[in-house]
Amino acid sequence: MDWLQGNIGPLFDAIDALAQGAVDGLSAVLMWPAALVMVVVFAALGWWLRGWKFGLGSVIGFAVIDGLDRTLKAPWARASSCTPSAAAASGRPFLHWARSRRT
């Protein structure tokens, strides 16, 4: 581990800065509107992308978070879970394109 940090430590620092910037930026976006607005946005997005069951599940999940009075930590948790999900979702069309390009 010391060898990795000594030789490619700046790469690890860049990855850390990129991930932290993405989480901080997404957290700032999610903290801006009221929590109820975010519930409606995510429920509508879930319904549109995955169906009514997913939209209902997101409403129930956010109701549980609100019921546990974790609203101050919830945007950070949403940002931490949305960042990899967005990366995976953006890579999926590329995967389909790459599969169709086989020779």
C-alpha atoms as a PDB file:
ATOM      1  CA  MET A   1       0.000   0.000   0.000  1.00  0.00           C
ATOM      2  CA  ASP A   2       2.858   2.346   0.779  1.00  0.00           C
ATOM      3  CA  TRP A   3       4.339   1.669  -2.649  1.00  0.00           C
ATOM      4  CA  LEU A   4       1.029   2.545  -4.339  1.00  0.00           C
ATOM      5  CA  GLN A   5       0.651   5.741  -2.353  1.00  0.00           C
ATOM      6  CA  GLY A   6       4.243   6.677  -3.005  1.00  0.00           C
ATOM      7  CA  ASN A   7       4.132   6.069  -6.754  1.00  0.00           C
ATOM      8  CA  ILE A   8       0.585   6.946  -7.797  1.00  0.00           C
ATOM      9  CA  GLY A   9      -0.546   8.974  -4.801  1.00  0.00           C
ATOM     10  CA  PRO A  10      -1.519  11.975  -6.957  1.00  0.00           C
ATOM     11  CA  LEU A  11      -3.877   9.727  -8.927  1.00  0.00           C
ATOM     12  CA  PHE A  12      -5.583   8.681  -5.698  1.00  0.00           C
ATOM     13  CA  ASP A  13      -5.796  12.330  -4.645  1.00  0.00           C
ATOM     14  CA  ALA A  14      -7.399  13.248  -7.977  1.00  0.00           C
ATOM     15  CA  ILE A  15      -9.949  10.428  -7.688  1.00  0.00           C
ATOM     16  CA  ASP A  16     -10.720  11.489  -4.126  1.00  0.00           C
ATOM     17  CA  ALA A  17     -11.149  15.128  -5.153  1.00  0.00           C
ATOM     18  CA  LEU A  18     -13.392  14.165  -8.080  1.00  0.00           C
ATOM     19  CA  ALA A  19     -15.613  11.914  -5.974  1.00  0.00           C
ATOM     20  CA  GLN A  20     -15.818  14.436  -3.145  1.00  0.00           C
ATOM     21  CA  GLY A  21     -16.656  17.232  -5.567  1.00  0.00           C
ATOM     22  CA  ALA A  22     -19.410  15.162  -7.157  1.00  0.00           C
ATOM     23  CA  VAL A  23     -20.944  14.280  -3.783  1.00  0.00           C
ATOM     24  CA  ASP A  24     -20.661  17.873  -2.493  1.00  0.00           C
ATOM     25  CA  GLY A  25     -22.154  19.318  -5.667  1.00  0.00           C
ATOM     26  CA  LEU A  26     -25.030  16.863  -5.739  1.00  0.00           C
ATOM     27  CA  SER A  27     -25.611  17.401  -2.027  1.00  0.00           C
ATOM     28  CA  ALA A  28     -25.832  21.166  -2.583  1.00  0.00           C
ATOM     29  CA  VAL A  29     -28.363  20.634  -5.385  1.00  0.00           C
ATOM     30  CA  LEU A  30     -30.429  18.294  -3.227  1.00  0.00           C
ATOM     31  CA  MET A  31     -30.372  20.669  -0.240  1.00  0.00           C
ATOM     32  CA  TRP A  32     -31.655  23.624  -2.245  1.00  0.00           C
ATOM     33  CA  PRO A  33     -35.386  22.753  -2.626  1.00  0.00           C
ATOM     34  CA  ALA A  34     -37.700  21.643   0.148  1.00  0.00           C
ATOM     35  CA  ALA A  35     -37.769  17.944   1.064  1.00  0.00           C
ATOM     36  CA  LEU A  36     -41.334  17.496  -0.210  1.00  0.00           C
ATOM     37  CA  VAL A  37     -40.337  18.840  -3.623  1.00  0.00           C
ATOM     38  CA  MET A  38     -37.489  16.320  -3.774  1.00  0.00           C
ATOM     39  CA  VAL A  39     -39.861  13.477  -2.859  1.00  0.00           C
ATOM     40  CA  VAL A  40     -42.171  14.443  -5.714  1.00  0.00           C
ATOM     41  CA  VAL A  41     -39.262  14.811  -8.157  1.00  0.00           C
ATOM     42  CA  PHE A  42     -37.706  11.446  -7.285  1.00  0.00           C
ATOM     43  CA  ALA A  43     -41.078   9.676  -7.224  1.00  0.00           C
ATOM     44  CA  ALA A  44     -41.960  11.066 -10.651  1.00  0.00           C
ATOM     45  CA  LEU A  45     -38.528  10.188 -11.999  1.00  0.00           C
ATOM     46  CA  GLY A  46     -38.789   6.659 -10.580  1.00  0.00           C
ATOM     47  CA  TRP A  47     -42.284   6.219 -12.002  1.00  0.00           C
ATOM     48  CA  TRP A  48     -41.158   7.430 -15.416  1.00  0.00           C
ATOM     49  CA  LEU A  49     -38.004   5.306 -15.549  1.00  0.00           C
ATOM     50  CA  ARG A  50     -39.020   2.108 -13.746  1.00  0.00           C
ATOM     51  CA  GLY A  51     -42.800   2.114 -13.220  1.00  0.00           C
ATOM     52  CA  TRP A  52     -45.335   2.945 -10.584  1.00  0.00           C
ATOM     53  CA  LYS A  53     -44.014   0.393  -8.058  1.00  0.00           C
ATOM     54  CA  PHE A  54     -40.583   2.018  -8.047  1.00  0.00           C
ATOM     55  CA  GLY A  55     -42.139   5.487  -7.692  1.00  0.00           C
ATOM     56  CA  LEU A  56     -44.254   4.304  -4.789  1.00  0.00           C
ATOM     57  CA  GLY A  57     -41.216   2.661  -3.204  1.00  0.00           C
ATOM     58  CA  SER A  58     -39.282   5.910  -3.383  1.00  0.00           C
ATOM     59  CA  VAL A  59     -42.156   7.783  -1.703  1.00  0.00           C
ATOM     60  CA  ILE A  60     -42.263   5.165   1.050  1.00  0.00           C
ATOM     61  CA  GLY A  61     -38.482   5.303   1.462  1.00  0.00           C
ATOM     62  CA  PHE A  62     -38.463   9.070   1.795  1.00  0.00           C
ATOM     63  CA  ALA A  63     -41.414   8.881   4.230  1.00  0.00           C
ATOM     64  CA  VAL A  64     -39.369   6.510   6.391  1.00  0.00           C
ATOM     65  CA  ILE A  65     -36.387   8.875   6.272  1.00  0.00           C
ATOM     66  CA  ASP A  66     -38.649  11.778   7.234  1.00  0.00           C
ATOM     67  CA  GLY A  67     -40.284   9.710   9.964  1.00  0.00           C
ATOM     68  CA  LEU A  68     -36.895   8.900  11.454  1.00  0.00           C
ATOM     69  CA  ASP A  69     -36.097  12.617  11.505  1.00  0.00           C
ATOM     70  CA  ARG A  70     -32.959  12.169   9.444  1.00  0.00           C
ATOM     71  CA  THR A  71     -33.731  14.990   7.050  1.00  0.00           C
ATOM     72  CA  LEU A  72     -30.418  16.760   7.622  1.00  0.00           C
ATOM     73  CA  LYS A  73     -28.362  13.686   6.709  1.00  0.00           C
ATOM     74  CA  ALA A  74     -30.711  12.476   3.954  1.00  0.00           C
ATOM     75  CA  PRO A  75     -29.400  14.793   1.174  1.00  0.00           C
ATOM     76  CA  TRP A  76     -25.866  13.558   1.786  1.00  0.00           C
ATOM     77  CA  ALA A  77     -27.113   9.970   1.668  1.00  0.00           C
ATOM     78  CA  ARG A  78     -29.059  10.685  -1.534  1.00  0.00           C
ATOM     79  CA  ALA A  79     -25.999  12.285  -3.077  1.00  0.00           C
ATOM     80  CA  SER A  80     -23.806   9.357  -2.066  1.00  0.00           C
ATOM     81  CA  SER A  81     -26.214   6.882  -3.633  1.00  0.00           C
ATOM     82  CA  CYS A  82     -27.147   8.951  -6.694  1.00  0.00           C
ATOM     83  CA  THR A  83     -23.582   9.632  -7.820  1.00  0.00           C
ATOM     84  CA  PRO A  84     -22.678   5.986  -8.570  1.00  0.00           C
ATOM     85  CA  SER A  85     -26.181   5.361  -9.920  1.00  0.00           C
ATOM     86  CA  ALA A  86     -25.801   8.233 -12.369  1.00  0.00           C
ATOM     87  CA  ALA A  87     -22.399   6.933 -13.425  1.00  0.00           C
ATOM     88  CA  ALA A  88     -23.817   3.451 -13.980  1.00  0.00           C
ATOM     89  CA  ALA A  89     -26.833   4.795 -15.853  1.00  0.00           C
ATOM     90  CA  SER A  90     -24.668   6.900 -18.139  1.00  0.00           C
ATOM     91  CA  GLY A  91     -22.474   3.895 -18.904  1.00  0.00           C
ATOM     92  CA  ARG A  92     -25.354   1.631 -19.855  1.00  0.00           C
ATOM     93  CA  PRO A  93     -26.029   3.154 -23.323  1.00  0.00           C
ATOM     94  CA  PHE A  94     -22.315   2.888 -24.060  1.00  0.00           C
ATOM     95  CA  LEU A  95     -22.403  -0.782 -23.082  1.00  0.00           C
ATOM     96  CA  HIS A  96     -25.300  -1.444 -25.473  1.00  0.00           C
ATOM     97  CA  TRP A  97     -23.484   0.406 -28.237  1.00  0.00           C
ATOM     98  CA  ALA A  98     -20.303  -1.565 -27.603  1.00  0.00           C
ATOM     99  CA  ARG A  99     -22.194  -4.867 -27.656  1.00  0.00           C
ATOM    100  CA  SER A 100     -23.823  -4.026 -30.963  1.00  0.00           C
ATOM    101  CA  ARG A 101     -20.437  -3.173 -32.502  1.00  0.00           C
ATOM    102  CA  ARG A 102     -18.950  -6.671 -32.078  1.00  0.00           C
ATOM    103  CA  THR A 103     -17.229  -8.067 -35.126  1.00  0.00           C
END
